[in-house]
N, C-alpha and C. Protein backbone atom coordinates (compact mmCIF):
# COMPACT_ATOMS: atom_id res chain seq x y z
N MET A 1 151.96 294.25 197.16
CA MET A 1 151.20 293.93 198.35
C MET A 1 150.93 292.42 198.36
N ASP A 2 151.19 291.78 199.48
CA ASP A 2 151.01 290.34 199.62
C ASP A 2 149.60 290.05 200.08
N THR A 3 148.74 289.69 199.14
CA THR A 3 147.35 289.44 199.48
C THR A 3 147.15 287.97 199.84
N ALA A 4 145.99 287.68 200.37
CA ALA A 4 145.67 286.30 200.74
C ALA A 4 145.65 285.41 199.50
N LYS A 5 145.20 285.96 198.38
CA LYS A 5 145.16 285.17 197.14
C LYS A 5 146.56 284.81 196.69
N ASN A 6 147.50 285.74 196.78
CA ASN A 6 148.89 285.46 196.39
C ASN A 6 149.51 284.42 197.32
N ARG A 7 149.25 284.52 198.61
CA ARG A 7 149.77 283.53 199.55
C ARG A 7 149.19 282.15 199.28
N PHE A 8 147.90 282.10 198.98
CA PHE A 8 147.26 280.83 198.64
C PHE A 8 147.85 280.24 197.36
N ASP A 9 148.03 281.06 196.35
CA ASP A 9 148.62 280.60 195.09
C ASP A 9 150.04 280.06 195.30
N ASP A 10 150.81 280.74 196.13
CA ASP A 10 152.17 280.27 196.42
C ASP A 10 152.14 278.91 197.13
N ALA A 11 151.21 278.74 198.05
CA ALA A 11 151.11 277.46 198.76
C ALA A 11 150.69 276.34 197.82
N VAL A 12 149.77 276.62 196.92
CA VAL A 12 149.32 275.60 195.97
C VAL A 12 150.48 275.17 195.07
N VAL A 13 151.25 276.11 194.58
CA VAL A 13 152.40 275.79 193.73
C VAL A 13 153.42 274.98 194.51
N ARG A 14 153.67 275.32 195.75
CA ARG A 14 154.64 274.60 196.56
C ARG A 14 154.20 273.15 196.76
N TYR A 15 152.94 272.91 197.08
CA TYR A 15 152.47 271.55 197.32
C TYR A 15 152.32 270.78 196.02
N ASP A 16 152.01 271.44 194.92
CA ASP A 16 151.96 270.75 193.63
C ASP A 16 153.34 270.25 193.25
N ALA A 17 154.37 271.00 193.57
CA ALA A 17 155.73 270.57 193.26
C ALA A 17 156.08 269.30 194.04
N TRP A 18 155.71 269.22 195.31
CA TRP A 18 155.98 268.02 196.09
C TRP A 18 155.21 266.83 195.55
N PHE A 19 153.99 267.07 195.10
CA PHE A 19 153.20 266.00 194.51
C PHE A 19 153.87 265.47 193.26
N LEU A 20 154.39 266.34 192.42
CA LEU A 20 155.08 265.90 191.20
C LEU A 20 156.34 265.10 191.54
N VAL A 21 157.07 265.51 192.56
CA VAL A 21 158.25 264.76 192.99
C VAL A 21 157.83 263.37 193.48
N PHE A 22 156.78 263.29 194.25
CA PHE A 22 156.28 262.02 194.76
C PHE A 22 155.87 261.09 193.61
N VAL A 23 155.17 261.61 192.63
CA VAL A 23 154.75 260.80 191.48
C VAL A 23 155.97 260.34 190.68
N ALA A 24 156.95 261.21 190.51
CA ALA A 24 158.16 260.83 189.78
C ALA A 24 158.91 259.71 190.50
N VAL A 25 158.98 259.77 191.82
CA VAL A 25 159.65 258.72 192.59
C VAL A 25 158.89 257.40 192.45
N LEU A 26 157.57 257.44 192.52
CA LEU A 26 156.78 256.22 192.35
C LEU A 26 156.97 255.61 190.97
N LEU A 27 156.99 256.44 189.94
CA LEU A 27 157.21 255.93 188.59
C LEU A 27 158.59 255.31 188.45
N ALA A 28 159.60 255.95 189.03
CA ALA A 28 160.96 255.41 188.96
C ALA A 28 161.05 254.07 189.68
N LEU A 29 160.43 253.96 190.86
CA LEU A 29 160.44 252.69 191.59
C LEU A 29 159.72 251.59 190.80
N GLY A 30 158.63 251.93 190.18
CA GLY A 30 157.91 250.95 189.35
C GLY A 30 158.74 250.49 188.18
N PHE A 31 159.43 251.41 187.53
CA PHE A 31 160.29 251.05 186.41
C PHE A 31 161.42 250.14 186.87
N VAL A 32 162.03 250.45 188.00
CA VAL A 32 163.13 249.62 188.52
C VAL A 32 162.62 248.22 188.85
N LEU A 33 161.44 248.11 189.44
CA LEU A 33 160.87 246.81 189.78
C LEU A 33 160.65 245.97 188.53
N VAL A 34 160.02 246.54 187.53
CA VAL A 34 159.71 245.79 186.30
C VAL A 34 160.99 245.47 185.53
N ALA A 35 161.91 246.41 185.44
CA ALA A 35 163.17 246.14 184.74
C ALA A 35 163.97 245.06 185.46
N GLY A 36 164.00 245.10 186.78
CA GLY A 36 164.70 244.07 187.54
C GLY A 36 164.09 242.70 187.35
N ALA A 37 162.77 242.62 187.35
CA ALA A 37 162.10 241.34 187.14
C ALA A 37 162.37 240.81 185.73
N ALA A 38 162.37 241.68 184.75
CA ALA A 38 162.64 241.24 183.38
C ALA A 38 164.07 240.74 183.24
N ILE A 39 165.02 241.45 183.81
CA ILE A 39 166.42 241.03 183.73
C ILE A 39 166.62 239.70 184.45
N TRP A 40 166.03 239.55 185.63
CA TRP A 40 166.15 238.29 186.36
C TRP A 40 165.53 237.15 185.56
N CYS A 41 164.38 237.39 184.96
CA CYS A 41 163.69 236.36 184.19
C CYS A 41 164.55 235.90 183.02
N LEU A 42 165.15 236.84 182.32
CA LEU A 42 165.91 236.49 181.13
C LEU A 42 167.27 235.88 181.45
N THR A 43 167.86 236.21 182.59
CA THR A 43 169.20 235.72 182.89
C THR A 43 169.22 234.54 183.84
N GLN A 44 168.38 234.51 184.85
CA GLN A 44 168.45 233.48 185.89
C GLN A 44 167.39 232.39 185.74
N ALA A 45 166.21 232.73 185.34
CA ALA A 45 165.11 231.76 185.31
C ALA A 45 165.05 230.99 184.00
N GLY A 46 165.87 231.34 183.04
CA GLY A 46 165.88 230.62 181.77
C GLY A 46 164.67 230.89 180.91
N GLY A 47 163.92 231.89 181.23
CA GLY A 47 162.75 232.21 180.44
C GLY A 47 163.10 233.00 179.19
N ARG A 48 162.26 232.87 178.21
CA ARG A 48 162.47 233.63 176.98
C ARG A 48 161.49 234.78 176.86
N LYS A 49 160.44 234.71 177.64
CA LYS A 49 159.42 235.76 177.60
C LYS A 49 159.19 236.29 179.00
N PHE A 50 158.93 237.56 179.04
CA PHE A 50 158.59 238.23 180.29
C PHE A 50 157.25 238.90 180.05
N THR A 51 156.28 238.60 180.88
CA THR A 51 154.97 239.18 180.70
C THR A 51 154.39 239.56 182.05
N GLY A 52 153.32 240.28 182.02
CA GLY A 52 152.68 240.69 183.26
C GLY A 52 151.52 241.61 182.96
N GLY A 53 150.92 242.11 183.99
CA GLY A 53 149.81 243.01 183.81
C GLY A 53 149.32 243.54 185.14
N MET A 54 148.30 244.36 185.05
CA MET A 54 147.71 244.91 186.26
C MET A 54 146.23 245.13 186.04
N THR A 55 145.48 245.09 187.11
CA THR A 55 144.05 245.39 187.06
C THR A 55 143.70 246.30 188.22
N TRP A 56 142.61 246.98 188.08
CA TRP A 56 142.17 247.89 189.12
C TRP A 56 140.69 247.61 189.41
N LYS A 57 140.34 246.36 189.68
CA LYS A 57 138.97 245.98 190.05
C LYS A 57 138.97 245.62 191.52
N ASN A 58 138.20 246.30 192.29
CA ASN A 58 138.10 246.03 193.73
C ASN A 58 139.48 246.01 194.39
N GLY A 59 140.30 246.94 194.03
CA GLY A 59 141.67 247.00 194.56
C GLY A 59 142.68 246.86 193.43
N PHE A 60 143.92 246.97 193.78
CA PHE A 60 144.99 246.95 192.79
C PHE A 60 145.62 245.56 192.73
N SER A 61 145.84 245.05 191.54
CA SER A 61 146.46 243.75 191.36
C SER A 61 147.54 243.86 190.29
N LEU A 62 148.71 243.33 190.58
CA LEU A 62 149.84 243.36 189.65
C LEU A 62 150.44 241.98 189.59
N TRP A 63 150.70 241.48 188.39
CA TRP A 63 151.36 240.19 188.28
C TRP A 63 152.47 240.26 187.24
N ILE A 64 153.53 239.51 187.52
CA ILE A 64 154.68 239.43 186.64
C ILE A 64 154.96 237.95 186.45
N GLU A 65 155.15 237.54 185.21
CA GLU A 65 155.30 236.13 184.91
C GLU A 65 156.48 235.91 183.98
N CYS A 66 157.20 234.84 184.21
CA CYS A 66 158.33 234.45 183.38
C CYS A 66 157.95 233.15 182.68
N ARG A 67 157.95 233.15 181.36
CA ARG A 67 157.56 231.93 180.62
C ARG A 67 158.73 231.35 179.89
């Protein structure tokens, strides 16, 4: 018997799966951005060090630096 609880549970699982896909895509894009910046820094900018960081005070801040 298909109860309201079973339908609700199915909907939660379905939307949780989309959330996981969304988070995985964001992580992959972040990795590609940082890897691309590091490769560019080491090959084109003549830098020997690649550094950066992020903060979460009053909003999100990300910086990437080539030294």
